[in-house]
Amino acid sequence: MRPAARLTKPLLMALVATAVLSLSATGSSLGAPSSVRARIASNCSLRGHEQGSGPTYLTALSVRNISCSQGLKLVHSYYRCRTQHGGVSGKCSGVEGFRCSEDRFAKIVVQFDARATCTRGHEIVQQQFTQFT
């Protein structure tokens, strides 16, 4: 075996080992369990939760650094806060330690669509909903 080939093989093995270790340490999809990946960022399935989650229709829910089930609980709490501060057209600036902001669009007399974002540190819950008034 040539001297350069003897040196190249250990170097290549060291590079591969370093790459594998760094991928597993960062929570990459190659080495991390699915529960870790799901807690980083996710668009949540709303099957069965489109109605009955508070607003008339919950149309989208995405979370970052929090689980979808915790995000859905926050949707319920946010709706209760809104209705306690002005009925279905009410506003809520925060709930459960989260600071929340809301953007309403597609407003007509009988309904509005809204996008609400609630943050607590690195945890983010974004919801989009339709509310009949």
Protein backbone atom coordinates (compact mmCIF):
# COMPACT_ATOMS: atom_id res chain seq x y z
CA MET A 1 0.00 0.00 0.00
CA ARG A 2 1.29 3.46 -0.83
CA PRO A 3 2.08 5.78 2.12
CA ALA A 4 -0.48 8.37 0.94
CA ALA A 5 -3.24 5.72 0.84
CA ARG A 6 -2.42 4.62 4.42
CA LEU A 7 -2.78 8.22 5.60
CA THR A 8 -5.95 8.92 3.59
CA LYS A 9 -8.02 6.01 4.97
CA PRO A 10 -7.71 7.04 8.68
CA LEU A 11 -8.37 10.66 7.74
CA LEU A 12 -11.49 9.67 5.81
CA MET A 13 -12.72 7.53 8.71
CA ALA A 14 -12.18 10.42 11.14
CA LEU A 15 -14.14 12.79 8.90
CA VAL A 16 -17.05 10.35 8.61
CA ALA A 17 -17.11 9.81 12.39
CA THR A 18 -17.09 13.58 13.00
CA ALA A 19 -19.94 14.12 10.54
CA VAL A 20 -22.08 11.40 12.14
CA LEU A 21 -21.48 12.77 15.64
CA SER A 22 -22.27 16.35 14.64
CA LEU A 23 -25.50 15.32 12.88
CA SER A 24 -26.76 13.36 15.87
CA ALA A 25 -25.82 16.16 18.27
CA THR A 26 -27.86 18.75 16.34
CA GLY A 27 -31.04 16.65 16.28
CA SER A 28 -30.94 16.03 12.55
CA SER A 29 -33.54 13.71 11.10
CA LEU A 30 -30.82 11.10 10.49
CA GLY A 31 -30.07 10.48 14.15
CA ALA A 32 -32.74 12.09 16.32
CA PRO A 33 -35.90 10.38 17.51
CA SER A 34 -39.11 11.66 15.91
CA SER A 35 -40.26 13.17 19.23
CA VAL A 36 -37.25 15.51 19.22
CA ARG A 37 -37.82 16.54 15.61
CA ALA A 38 -41.52 17.19 16.26
CA ARG A 39 -40.75 19.55 19.13
CA ILE A 40 -38.51 21.78 17.00
CA ALA A 41 -41.08 22.99 14.42
CA SER A 42 -44.26 21.51 13.08
CA ASN A 43 -47.40 22.17 11.11
CA CYS A 44 -50.00 20.41 13.21
CA SER A 45 -52.74 18.13 11.90
CA LEU A 46 -56.18 19.54 12.66
CA ARG A 47 -58.16 16.45 11.70
CA GLY A 48 -61.07 16.37 14.13
CA HIS A 49 -60.15 19.75 15.66
CA GLU A 50 -61.28 22.14 12.91
CA GLN A 51 -64.44 22.91 14.88
CA GLY A 52 -64.81 22.83 18.63
CA SER A 53 -61.34 24.26 19.32
CA GLY A 54 -62.74 27.65 20.27
CA PRO A 55 -63.08 29.79 17.16
CA THR A 56 -65.77 28.86 14.63
CA TYR A 57 -63.16 27.17 12.38
CA LEU A 58 -59.49 26.58 13.18
CA THR A 59 -57.86 26.49 9.74
CA ALA A 60 -54.13 26.21 10.55
CA LEU A 61 -51.88 25.58 13.55
CA SER A 62 -48.10 25.56 13.59
CA VAL A 63 -45.77 25.35 16.56
CA ARG A 64 -42.08 25.77 17.26
CA ASN A 65 -40.33 24.34 20.36
CA ILE A 66 -43.67 23.19 21.78
CA SER A 67 -45.85 20.16 21.02
CA CYS A 68 -48.97 20.29 18.84
CA SER A 69 -51.16 19.16 21.76
CA GLN A 70 -49.83 22.03 23.90
CA GLY A 71 -50.41 24.40 20.96
CA LEU A 72 -54.01 23.22 20.67
CA LYS A 73 -54.53 23.81 24.41
CA LEU A 74 -53.20 27.34 23.91
CA VAL A 75 -55.74 27.86 21.08
CA HIS A 76 -58.52 27.01 23.57
CA SER A 77 -57.08 29.36 26.21
CA TYR A 78 -56.60 32.16 23.68
CA TYR A 79 -60.22 31.84 22.54
CA ARG A 80 -61.47 31.96 26.16
CA CYS A 81 -59.34 35.06 26.76
CA ARG A 82 -60.74 36.75 23.63
CA THR A 83 -64.34 36.05 24.60
CA GLN A 84 -63.74 37.31 28.16
CA HIS A 85 -62.43 40.57 26.72
CA GLY A 86 -65.18 41.60 24.33
CA GLY A 87 -67.04 38.48 23.18
CA VAL A 88 -66.22 36.70 19.92
CA SER A 89 -64.83 39.97 18.51
CA GLY A 90 -62.69 40.54 21.62
CA LYS A 91 -58.89 40.81 21.76
CA CYS A 92 -56.34 39.01 23.91
CA SER A 93 -52.79 40.30 24.41
CA GLY A 94 -51.53 37.25 26.29
CA VAL A 95 -52.41 33.98 27.94
CA GLU A 96 -50.56 31.29 29.95
CA GLY A 97 -47.36 33.34 29.97
CA PHE A 98 -47.44 33.84 26.17
CA ARG A 99 -47.54 37.28 24.55
CA CYS A 100 -50.02 37.27 21.67
CA SER A 101 -50.71 39.45 18.65
CA GLU A 102 -53.51 39.10 16.12
CA ASP A 103 -54.02 40.25 12.53
CA ARG A 104 -57.61 40.24 11.26
CA PHE A 105 -58.35 40.17 7.55
CA ALA A 106 -61.20 39.24 5.18
CA LYS A 107 -63.62 41.05 7.50
CA ILE A 108 -67.30 41.14 6.62
CA VAL A 109 -70.35 41.82 8.77
CA VAL A 110 -70.91 38.22 9.84
CA GLN A 111 -67.33 36.90 10.16
CA PHE A 112 -63.60 37.60 10.04
CA ASP A 113 -60.47 35.60 9.41
CA ALA A 114 -57.49 36.09 11.70
CA ARG A 115 -53.91 35.02 12.21
CA ALA A 116 -52.67 35.01 15.82
CA THR A 117 -49.10 34.48 17.00
CA CYS A 118 -48.26 33.75 20.63
CA THR A 119 -44.68 33.59 21.91
CA ARG A 120 -43.04 32.66 25.21
CA GLY A 121 -39.26 32.71 24.97
CA HIS A 122 -38.39 30.39 22.08
CA GLU A 123 -41.84 28.77 22.03
CA ILE A 124 -44.09 29.97 19.21
CA VAL A 125 -47.69 29.05 18.44
CA GLN A 126 -49.29 30.38 15.26
CA GLN A 127 -52.96 29.83 14.49
CA GLN A 128 -55.25 30.88 11.72
CA PHE A 129 -59.00 30.84 12.21
CA THR A 130 -62.40 32.00 10.97
CA GLN A 131 -64.73 33.53 13.54
CA PHE A 132 -68.45 34.08 12.98
CA THR A 133 -69.55 37.26 14.75
